[in-house]
Each structure stands twice: as C-alpha cells, then as structure tokens.
C-alpha atoms as a PDB file:
ATOM      1  CA  UNK A   1      -7.477 -31.703   8.855  1.00  0.00           C
ATOM      2  CA  UNK A   2      -6.684 -28.511   6.907  1.00  0.00           C
ATOM      3  CA  UNK A   3      -6.769 -28.688   3.125  1.00  0.00           C
ATOM      4  CA  UNK A   4      -3.383 -28.175   1.505  1.00  0.00           C
ATOM      5  CA  UNK A   5      -2.704 -26.449  -1.791  1.00  0.00           C
ATOM      6  CA  UNK A   6      -0.825 -27.863  -4.751  1.00  0.00           C
ATOM      7  CA  UNK A   7       2.390 -25.965  -4.009  1.00  0.00           C
ATOM      8  CA  UNK A   8       2.441 -27.247  -0.424  1.00  0.00           C
ATOM      9  CA  UNK A   9       1.879 -30.815  -1.607  1.00  0.00           C
ATOM     10  CA  UNK A  10       4.650 -30.485  -4.185  1.00  0.00           C
ATOM     11  CA  UNK A  11       7.050 -29.178  -1.528  1.00  0.00           C
ATOM     12  CA  UNK A  12       6.144 -31.958   0.891  1.00  0.00           C
ATOM     13  CA  UNK A  13       6.615 -34.583  -1.822  1.00  0.00           C
ATOM     14  CA  UNK A  14      10.306 -33.619  -1.960  1.00  0.00           C
ATOM     15  CA  UNK A  15      10.818 -34.759   1.648  1.00  0.00           C
ATOM     16  CA  UNK A  16      11.751 -38.351   2.484  1.00  0.00           C
ATOM     17  CA  UNK A  17       9.269 -39.605   5.122  1.00  0.00           C
ATOM     18  CA  UNK A  18      10.876 -40.409   8.468  1.00  0.00           C
ATOM     19  CA  UNK A  19      14.142 -38.619   7.668  1.00  0.00           C
ATOM     20  CA  UNK A  20      15.644 -36.480  10.447  1.00  0.00           C
ATOM     21  CA  UNK A  21      18.290 -34.037   9.265  1.00  0.00           C
ATOM     22  CA  UNK A  22      21.171 -32.165  10.918  1.00  0.00           C
ATOM     23  CA  UNK A  23      20.124 -28.573  11.784  1.00  0.00           C
ATOM     24  CA  UNK A  24      21.914 -26.742   8.966  1.00  0.00           C
ATOM     25  CA  UNK A  25      20.702 -29.212   6.346  1.00  0.00           C
ATOM     26  CA  UNK A  26      17.144 -28.910   7.675  1.00  0.00           C
ATOM     27  CA  UNK A  27      17.347 -25.117   7.501  1.00  0.00           C
ATOM     28  CA  UNK A  28      18.617 -25.206   3.925  1.00  0.00           C
ATOM     29  CA  UNK A  29      15.786 -27.588   3.029  1.00  0.00           C
ATOM     30  CA  UNK A  30      13.206 -25.213   4.510  1.00  0.00           C
ATOM     31  CA  UNK A  31      14.691 -22.359   2.462  1.00  0.00           C
ATOM     32  CA  UNK A  32      14.682 -24.479  -0.696  1.00  0.00           C
ATOM     33  CA  UNK A  33      11.052 -25.541  -0.208  1.00  0.00           C
ATOM     34  CA  UNK A  34       9.674 -22.070   0.576  1.00  0.00           C
ATOM     35  CA  UNK A  35       7.300 -21.028  -2.186  1.00  0.00           C
ATOM     36  CA  UNK A  36       5.326 -18.009  -0.947  1.00  0.00           C
ATOM     37  CA  UNK A  37       5.685 -14.639  -2.660  1.00  0.00           C
ATOM     38  CA  UNK A  38       6.495 -12.953   0.670  1.00  0.00           C
ATOM     39  CA  UNK A  39       9.430 -13.389   3.047  1.00  0.00           C
ATOM     40  CA  UNK A  40       8.126 -16.257   5.159  1.00  0.00           C
ATOM     41  CA  UNK A  41       8.898 -16.636   8.856  1.00  0.00           C
ATOM     42  CA  UNK A  42      10.923 -19.681   9.841  1.00  0.00           C
ATOM     43  CA  UNK A  43       9.523 -21.345  12.953  1.00  0.00           C
ATOM     44  CA  UNK A  44      10.836 -24.106  15.210  1.00  0.00           C
ATOM     45  CA  UNK A  45       8.507 -26.565  16.923  1.00  0.00           C
ATOM     46  CA  UNK A  46       9.687 -28.807  19.751  1.00  0.00           C
ATOM     47  CA  UNK A  47       7.716 -31.685  21.258  1.00  0.00           C
ATOM     48  CA  UNK A  48       8.538 -32.016  24.941  1.00  0.00           C
ATOM     49  CA  UNK A  49       8.265 -34.869  27.422  1.00  0.00           C
ATOM     50  CA  UNK A  50       6.279 -32.862  29.974  1.00  0.00           C
ATOM     51  CA  UNK A  51       2.715 -32.805  31.255  1.00  0.00           C
ATOM     52  CA  UNK A  52       1.593 -29.159  30.954  1.00  0.00           C
ATOM     53  CA  UNK A  53      -1.416 -29.943  33.166  1.00  0.00           C
ATOM     54  CA  UNK A  54       0.986 -30.155  36.098  1.00  0.00           C
ATOM     55  CA  UNK A  55       2.032 -26.745  37.396  1.00  0.00           C
ATOM     56  CA  UNK A  56       5.579 -27.937  38.089  1.00  0.00           C
ATOM     57  CA  UNK A  57       6.015 -29.095  34.481  1.00  0.00           C
ATOM     58  CA  UNK A  58       5.034 -25.901  32.673  1.00  0.00           C
ATOM     59  CA  UNK A  59       7.886 -24.772  30.412  1.00  0.00           C
ATOM     60  CA  UNK A  60       8.276 -21.085  29.645  1.00  0.00           C
ATOM     61  CA  UNK A  61      11.123 -18.701  29.095  1.00  0.00           C
ATOM     62  CA  UNK A  62      12.648 -15.913  27.057  1.00  0.00           C
ATOM     63  CA  UNK A  63      15.665 -15.736  24.786  1.00  0.00           C
ATOM     64  CA  UNK A  64      17.354 -12.987  22.794  1.00  0.00           C
ATOM     65  CA  UNK A  65      17.966 -14.356  19.304  1.00  0.00           C
ATOM     66  CA  UNK A  66      21.437 -13.318  18.076  1.00  0.00           C
ATOM     67  CA  UNK A  67      20.063 -12.106  14.753  1.00  0.00           C
ATOM     68  CA  UNK A  68      16.527 -11.166  15.729  1.00  0.00           C
ATOM     69  CA  UNK A  69      13.333 -12.429  14.129  1.00  0.00           C
ATOM     70  CA  UNK A  70      13.373 -10.174  11.075  1.00  0.00           C
ATOM     71  CA  UNK A  71      10.145  -8.589  12.254  1.00  0.00           C
ATOM     72  CA  UNK A  72       9.798  -4.965  13.311  1.00  0.00           C
ATOM     73  CA  UNK A  73       8.430  -5.183  16.859  1.00  0.00           C
ATOM     74  CA  UNK A  74       6.220  -2.382  18.163  1.00  0.00           C
ATOM     75  CA  UNK A  75       6.812  -1.826  21.878  1.00  0.00           C
ATOM     76  CA  UNK A  76       4.401  -0.111  24.267  1.00  0.00           C
ATOM     77  CA  UNK A  77       5.812   1.042  27.611  1.00  0.00           C
ATOM     78  CA  UNK A  78       3.385   1.803  30.416  1.00  0.00           C
ATOM     79  CA  UNK A  79       5.307   4.005  32.808  1.00  0.00           C
ATOM     80  CA  UNK A  80       5.377   7.471  34.289  1.00  0.00           C
ATOM     81  CA  UNK A  81       7.862  10.176  35.218  1.00  0.00           C
ATOM     82  CA  UNK A  82      11.524   9.651  34.350  1.00  0.00           C
ATOM     83  CA  UNK A  83      10.825   6.139  33.090  1.00  0.00           C
ATOM     84  CA  UNK A  84       8.860   7.584  30.183  1.00  0.00           C
ATOM     85  CA  UNK A  85      11.929   9.447  28.925  1.00  0.00           C
ATOM     86  CA  UNK A  86      14.113   6.342  29.399  1.00  0.00           C
ATOM     87  CA  UNK A  87      11.682   4.290  27.331  1.00  0.00           C
ATOM     88  CA  UNK A  88      11.520   6.874  24.531  1.00  0.00           C
ATOM     89  CA  UNK A  89      15.306   7.203  24.422  1.00  0.00           C
ATOM     90  CA  UNK A  90      15.607   3.398  24.172  1.00  0.00           C
ATOM     91  CA  UNK A  91      13.359   3.313  21.106  1.00  0.00           C
ATOM     92  CA  UNK A  92       9.909   2.443  22.457  1.00  0.00           C
ATOM     93  CA  UNK A  93       7.161   3.087  19.925  1.00  0.00           C
ATOM     94  CA  UNK A  94       4.462   4.120  22.392  1.00  0.00           C
ATOM     95  CA  UNK A  95       4.993   5.439  25.918  1.00  0.00           C
ATOM     96  CA  UNK A  96       2.672   6.639  28.658  1.00  0.00           C
ATOM     97  CA  UNK A  97      -0.309   5.731  30.809  1.00  0.00           C
ATOM     98  CA  UNK A  98      -2.723   7.448  28.416  1.00  0.00           C
ATOM     99  CA  UNK A  99      -2.585   4.233  26.391  1.00  0.00           C
ATOM    100  CA  UNK A 100      -4.491   2.435  29.159  1.00  0.00           C
ATOM    101  CA  UNK A 101      -7.712   4.167  28.102  1.00  0.00           C
ATOM    102  CA  UNK A 102      -6.924   3.580  24.422  1.00  0.00           C
ATOM    103  CA  UNK A 103      -6.585  -0.158  25.074  1.00  0.00           C
ATOM    104  CA  UNK A 104      -9.964  -0.162  26.843  1.00  0.00           C
ATOM    105  CA  UNK A 105     -11.411   1.415  23.700  1.00  0.00           C
ATOM    106  CA  UNK A 106      -9.970  -1.361  21.518  1.00  0.00           C
ATOM    107  CA  UNK A 107      -6.548  -0.025  20.490  1.00  0.00           C
ATOM    108  CA  UNK A 108      -4.020  -2.877  20.195  1.00  0.00           C
ATOM    109  CA  UNK A 109      -1.463  -1.586  17.679  1.00  0.00           C
ATOM    110  CA  UNK A 110       1.567  -3.037  19.490  1.00  0.00           C
ATOM    111  CA  UNK A 111       3.358  -6.373  19.739  1.00  0.00           C
ATOM    112  CA  UNK A 112       4.872  -6.269  23.247  1.00  0.00           C
ATOM    113  CA  UNK A 113       3.904  -4.302  26.349  1.00  0.00           C
ATOM    114  CA  UNK A 114       6.358  -3.371  29.096  1.00  0.00           C
ATOM    115  CA  UNK A 115       5.252  -1.894  32.420  1.00  0.00           C
ATOM    116  CA  UNK A 116       6.981  -0.663  35.548  1.00  0.00           C
ATOM    117  CA  UNK A 117       5.950  -2.378  38.820  1.00  0.00           C
ATOM    118  CA  UNK A 118       4.504   0.833  40.284  1.00  0.00           C
ATOM    119  CA  UNK A 119       1.801   1.065  37.580  1.00  0.00           C
ATOM    120  CA  UNK A 120       0.763  -2.599  37.506  1.00  0.00           C
ATOM    121  CA  UNK A 121      -2.242  -1.873  39.732  1.00  0.00           C
ATOM    122  CA  UNK A 122      -3.564   0.273  36.873  1.00  0.00           C
ATOM    123  CA  UNK A 123      -2.564  -2.273  34.207  1.00  0.00           C
ATOM    124  CA  UNK A 124      -4.063  -5.305  35.989  1.00  0.00           C
ATOM    125  CA  UNK A 125      -7.703  -4.561  35.014  1.00  0.00           C
ATOM    126  CA  UNK A 126      -6.654  -4.909  31.374  1.00  0.00           C
ATOM    127  CA  UNK A 127      -5.750  -8.559  31.928  1.00  0.00           C
ATOM    128  CA  UNK A 128      -8.980  -9.746  30.335  1.00  0.00           C
ATOM    129  CA  UNK A 129      -8.069  -7.861  27.158  1.00  0.00           C
ATOM    130  CA  UNK A 130      -4.301  -8.382  27.039  1.00  0.00           C
ATOM    131  CA  UNK A 131      -4.008 -11.837  28.627  1.00  0.00           C
ATOM    132  CA  UNK A 132      -5.748 -13.916  25.926  1.00  0.00           C
ATOM    133  CA  UNK A 133      -3.659 -12.128  23.277  1.00  0.00           C
ATOM    134  CA  UNK A 134      -0.371 -12.777  25.046  1.00  0.00           C
ATOM    135  CA  UNK A 135       0.197  -9.047  25.524  1.00  0.00           C
ATOM    136  CA  UNK A 136      -0.013  -8.785  29.314  1.00  0.00           C
ATOM    137  CA  UNK A 137       3.263  -7.657  30.944  1.00  0.00           C
ATOM    138  CA  UNK A 138       4.646 -10.306  33.324  1.00  0.00           C
ATOM    139  CA  UNK A 139       7.711 -10.480  35.597  1.00  0.00           C
ATOM    140  CA  UNK A 140       8.640 -13.942  34.242  1.00  0.00           C
ATOM    141  CA  UNK A 141       8.872 -12.542  30.724  1.00  0.00           C
ATOM    142  CA  UNK A 142      10.919  -9.598  31.929  1.00  0.00           C
ATOM    143  CA  UNK A 143       8.237  -7.151  30.828  1.00  0.00           C
ATOM    144  CA  UNK A 144       7.443  -5.899  34.333  1.00  0.00           C
ATOM    145  CA  UNK A 145      10.583  -4.021  35.319  1.00  0.00           C
ATOM    146  CA  UNK A 146      11.951  -0.639  36.324  1.00  0.00           C
ATOM    147  CA  UNK A 147      14.764  -1.111  33.808  1.00  0.00           C
ATOM    148  CA  UNK A 148      12.516  -0.217  30.892  1.00  0.00           C
ATOM    149  CA  UNK A 149      15.406   0.899  28.692  1.00  0.00           C
ATOM    150  CA  UNK A 150      17.077  -2.514  28.866  1.00  0.00           C
ATOM    151  CA  UNK A 151      13.758  -4.293  28.290  1.00  0.00           C
ATOM    152  CA  UNK A 152      13.024  -2.204  25.192  1.00  0.00           C
ATOM    153  CA  UNK A 153      16.513  -2.715  23.773  1.00  0.00           C
ATOM    154  CA  UNK A 154      16.326  -6.498  24.243  1.00  0.00           C
ATOM    155  CA  UNK A 155      12.902  -6.732  22.641  1.00  0.00           C
ATOM    156  CA  UNK A 156      13.992  -4.625  19.690  1.00  0.00           C
ATOM    157  CA  UNK A 157      17.136  -6.770  19.363  1.00  0.00           C
ATOM    158  CA  UNK A 158      15.119  -9.972  19.012  1.00  0.00           C
ATOM    159  CA  UNK A 159      13.982 -11.133  22.447  1.00  0.00           C
ATOM    160  CA  UNK A 160      11.131 -13.633  22.226  1.00  0.00           C
ATOM    161  CA  UNK A 161       8.992 -15.379  24.811  1.00  0.00           C
ATOM    162  CA  UNK A 162       7.912 -19.009  24.540  1.00  0.00           C
ATOM    163  CA  UNK A 163       5.584 -21.274  26.507  1.00  0.00           C
ATOM    164  CA  UNK A 164       4.563 -24.903  26.211  1.00  0.00           C
ATOM    165  CA  UNK A 165       1.013 -25.401  24.945  1.00  0.00           C
ATOM    166  CA  UNK A 166      -1.560 -27.823  26.293  1.00  0.00           C
ATOM    167  CA  UNK A 167      -0.306 -30.603  23.989  1.00  0.00           C
ATOM    168  CA  UNK A 168       3.311 -30.369  25.192  1.00  0.00           C
ATOM    169  CA  UNK A 169       4.642 -28.455  22.199  1.00  0.00           C
ATOM    170  CA  UNK A 170       6.597 -25.203  22.024  1.00  0.00           C
ATOM    171  CA  UNK A 171       6.628 -22.976  18.933  1.00  0.00           C
ATOM    172  CA  UNK A 172       8.894 -20.003  18.277  1.00  0.00           C
ATOM    173  CA  UNK A 173       9.988 -17.843  15.322  1.00  0.00           C
ATOM    174  CA  UNK A 174      13.724 -17.929  14.567  1.00  0.00           C
ATOM    175  CA  UNK A 175      13.965 -15.575  11.589  1.00  0.00           C
ATOM    176  CA  UNK A 176      12.973 -15.192   7.953  1.00  0.00           C
ATOM    177  CA  UNK A 177      13.531 -17.368   4.886  1.00  0.00           C
ATOM    178  CA  UNK A 178      15.730 -14.586   3.515  1.00  0.00           C
ATOM    179  CA  UNK A 179      18.186 -15.009   6.416  1.00  0.00           C
ATOM    180  CA  UNK A 180      21.426 -16.848   5.582  1.00  0.00           C
ATOM    181  CA  UNK A 181      21.619 -20.425   6.852  1.00  0.00           C
ATOM    182  CA  UNK A 182      24.283 -19.476   9.426  1.00  0.00           C
ATOM    183  CA  UNK A 183      22.109 -16.804  11.027  1.00  0.00           C
ATOM    184  CA  UNK A 184      19.079 -19.081  11.196  1.00  0.00           C
ATOM    185  CA  UNK A 185      21.270 -21.808  12.668  1.00  0.00           C
ATOM    186  CA  UNK A 186      22.645 -19.518  15.366  1.00  0.00           C
ATOM    187  CA  UNK A 187      19.129 -18.382  16.243  1.00  0.00           C
ATOM    188  CA  UNK A 188      17.948 -22.002  16.382  1.00  0.00           C
ATOM    189  CA  UNK A 189      20.802 -23.022  18.660  1.00  0.00           C
ATOM    190  CA  UNK A 190      20.173 -20.065  20.988  1.00  0.00           C
ATOM    191  CA  UNK A 191      16.517 -21.048  21.266  1.00  0.00           C
ATOM    192  CA  UNK A 192      17.246 -24.734  21.868  1.00  0.00           C
ATOM    193  CA  UNK A 193      19.849 -23.935  24.531  1.00  0.00           C
ATOM    194  CA  UNK A 194      17.300 -21.764  26.332  1.00  0.00           C
ATOM    195  CA  UNK A 195      14.632 -24.465  26.013  1.00  0.00           C
ATOM    196  CA  UNK A 196      16.978 -27.080  27.480  1.00  0.00           C
ATOM    197  CA  UNK A 197      17.828 -24.803  30.413  1.00  0.00           C
ATOM    198  CA  UNK A 198      14.090 -24.356  31.033  1.00  0.00           C
ATOM    199  CA  UNK A 199      13.577 -28.078  31.651  1.00  0.00           C
ATOM    200  CA  UNK A 200      11.464 -28.511  34.808  1.00  0.00           C
ATOM    201  CA  UNK A 201      13.052 -30.614  37.546  1.00  0.00           C
ATOM    202  CA  UNK A 202       9.768 -32.556  37.757  1.00  0.00           C
ATOM    203  CA  UNK A 203      10.027 -33.676  34.115  1.00  0.00           C
ATOM    204  CA  UNK A 204      11.199 -37.287  33.868  1.00  0.00           C
ATOM    205  CA  UNK A 205      12.347 -39.354  30.925  1.00  0.00           C
ATOM    206  CA  UNK A 206      13.124 -37.897  27.508  1.00  0.00           C
ATOM    207  CA  UNK A 207      12.677 -34.125  27.516  1.00  0.00           C
ATOM    208  CA  UNK A 208      13.294 -33.198  23.855  1.00  0.00           C
ATOM    209  CA  UNK A 209      11.142 -35.741  22.016  1.00  0.00           C
ATOM    210  CA  UNK A 210      11.057 -34.106  18.604  1.00  0.00           C
ATOM    211  CA  UNK A 211      12.189 -30.986  16.758  1.00  0.00           C
ATOM    212  CA  UNK A 212      11.125 -29.637  13.393  1.00  0.00           C
ATOM    213  CA  UNK A 213      11.328 -26.373  11.499  1.00  0.00           C
ATOM    214  CA  UNK A 214       9.153 -24.921   8.769  1.00  0.00           C
ATOM    215  CA  UNK A 215       8.401 -21.734   6.891  1.00  0.00           C
ATOM    216  CA  UNK A 216       5.033 -20.005   7.215  1.00  0.00           C
ATOM    217  CA  UNK A 217       3.518 -21.817   4.257  1.00  0.00           C
ATOM    218  CA  UNK A 218       5.857 -24.788   3.892  1.00  0.00           C
ATOM    219  CA  UNK A 219       5.978 -28.316   5.324  1.00  0.00           C
ATOM    220  CA  UNK A 220       7.796 -29.229   8.501  1.00  0.00           C
ATOM    221  CA  UNK A 221      11.344 -30.588   8.219  1.00  0.00           C
ATOM    222  CA  UNK A 222      12.384 -32.871  11.070  1.00  0.00           C
ATOM    223  CA  UNK A 223      15.691 -32.391  12.899  1.00  0.00           C
ATOM    224  CA  UNK A 224      17.469 -35.207  14.726  1.00  0.00           C
ATOM    225  CA  UNK A 225      16.386 -34.645  18.381  1.00  0.00           C
ATOM    226  CA  UNK A 226      19.324 -36.679  19.701  1.00  0.00           C
ATOM    227  CA  UNK A 227      21.533 -33.653  19.011  1.00  0.00           C
ATOM    228  CA  UNK A 228      19.740 -31.843  21.844  1.00  0.00           C
ATOM    229  CA  UNK A 229      19.386 -34.669  24.346  1.00  0.00           C
ATOM    230  CA  UNK A 230      22.879 -34.819  25.835  1.00  0.00           C
ATOM    231  CA  UNK A 231      22.343 -31.502  27.580  1.00  0.00           C
ATOM    232  CA  UNK A 232      18.678 -32.027  28.416  1.00  0.00           C
END
C-alpha cells in the first residue's frame, strides 16, 4: 500500500465514502481537490465486467478526444518516399527510417510511432524495445497505415489508445485540471462512448462495473456507473 502525504489525506477527507456523483459534479470535485503545483492530468478509470485472460474478452480501442489531452504529443513516422513528405506536412516531429538505428541505440524521444505497412518488416525487430513501452505501431491502433497524414493529424488532435489491464480495468487521460468542466465532460463522454462500443460480444453480465476520475496527485472520485449501463 503506497504511503500518502498530508495533502492527499486532506483532499480525500473531503469526500463522502460510498458517494457516486454525476459526471460534471465529479469533475468539479476533482478540480477543487487538486493540490499539486503543476497542471495535473485528469484520468478516468473504468472497472469492466470482462475476463482479460480470455482472448475474446480483451477490450481495446482508440478515441479522438474533442479537446485533446492537453499534452504535446511527439509523433515519429517511419516511412519512406512520398509518405515522408506527407508526414512532415501533417506536423510529425520525426520522420524517416534513419530513426530505426537510433531506437536500437536507445533513442526513445517520442510518444507515438506511426509506420506504413511496407516498412513493418524493418520495424518488427524493434518489437522487444517498443512493445513493452506501448510504442509499437499496430493496425488496431491505427498506427500502421499508408494514410500517415491523417494518422498524425488525429494523434496531434488528441487521439488516445486504451486497453484493459490484467485486472479488468481501463485507464485513460481526458485532459488537464486547468480545462473547463465542460471540456473535461465532453472528453469523458467521448471516451465512455468508445469504451461502451468496444464491449466484447463474449462479455456477459454487467459491463461497466465502476467509473472514477482523479487528478495525477489527487484521490479518486466515483461516478455513478448506472449512467453508462443503458448503452452497454
């Protein structure tokens, strides 16, 4: 059990145990309880009624948040020929196959990697480096594509990828504490709608078991999960 500081304990003491709030009220509470000296990330956590050990119950997906995450995302595009120019024009931070050797040497100064299908044979050997860090391009995440310009624009606009962990939980950033409540709410709703659509057909019973949001340093604030069960 991690040790908590005094400011965290004071923030948590302001919450009523067992209370589940409407989304906007929960977001405002998270903003009110944030105490760090930096602009904390607001994260949503959802507990799902799935068994991640079963291949047909793995939940993963992508969603473009309407207002982005508030984080500047560095995009690497592994491509050649005309696709390099398309990637640069779309705003990619790093472009070209020369970065393959740099990655082998330990360079990892990027947040998302996009690759065209024709170079994946060269990218595949880097799986042992990129895979554990969640940086490996994959078709399911939309990061293996010939439409590199669209991929870069979506990522820069706030596209995020999520995946259920081994305990059946999904975590995702939905913005910064400095965001207005309305923008955080719209990002939250976009994420939850995507998560509901990603429900595996093999999942039985209650799908959305619990939802909470928190800031980087603050306590979790529970949201009423029933608000997301009618569509699940």
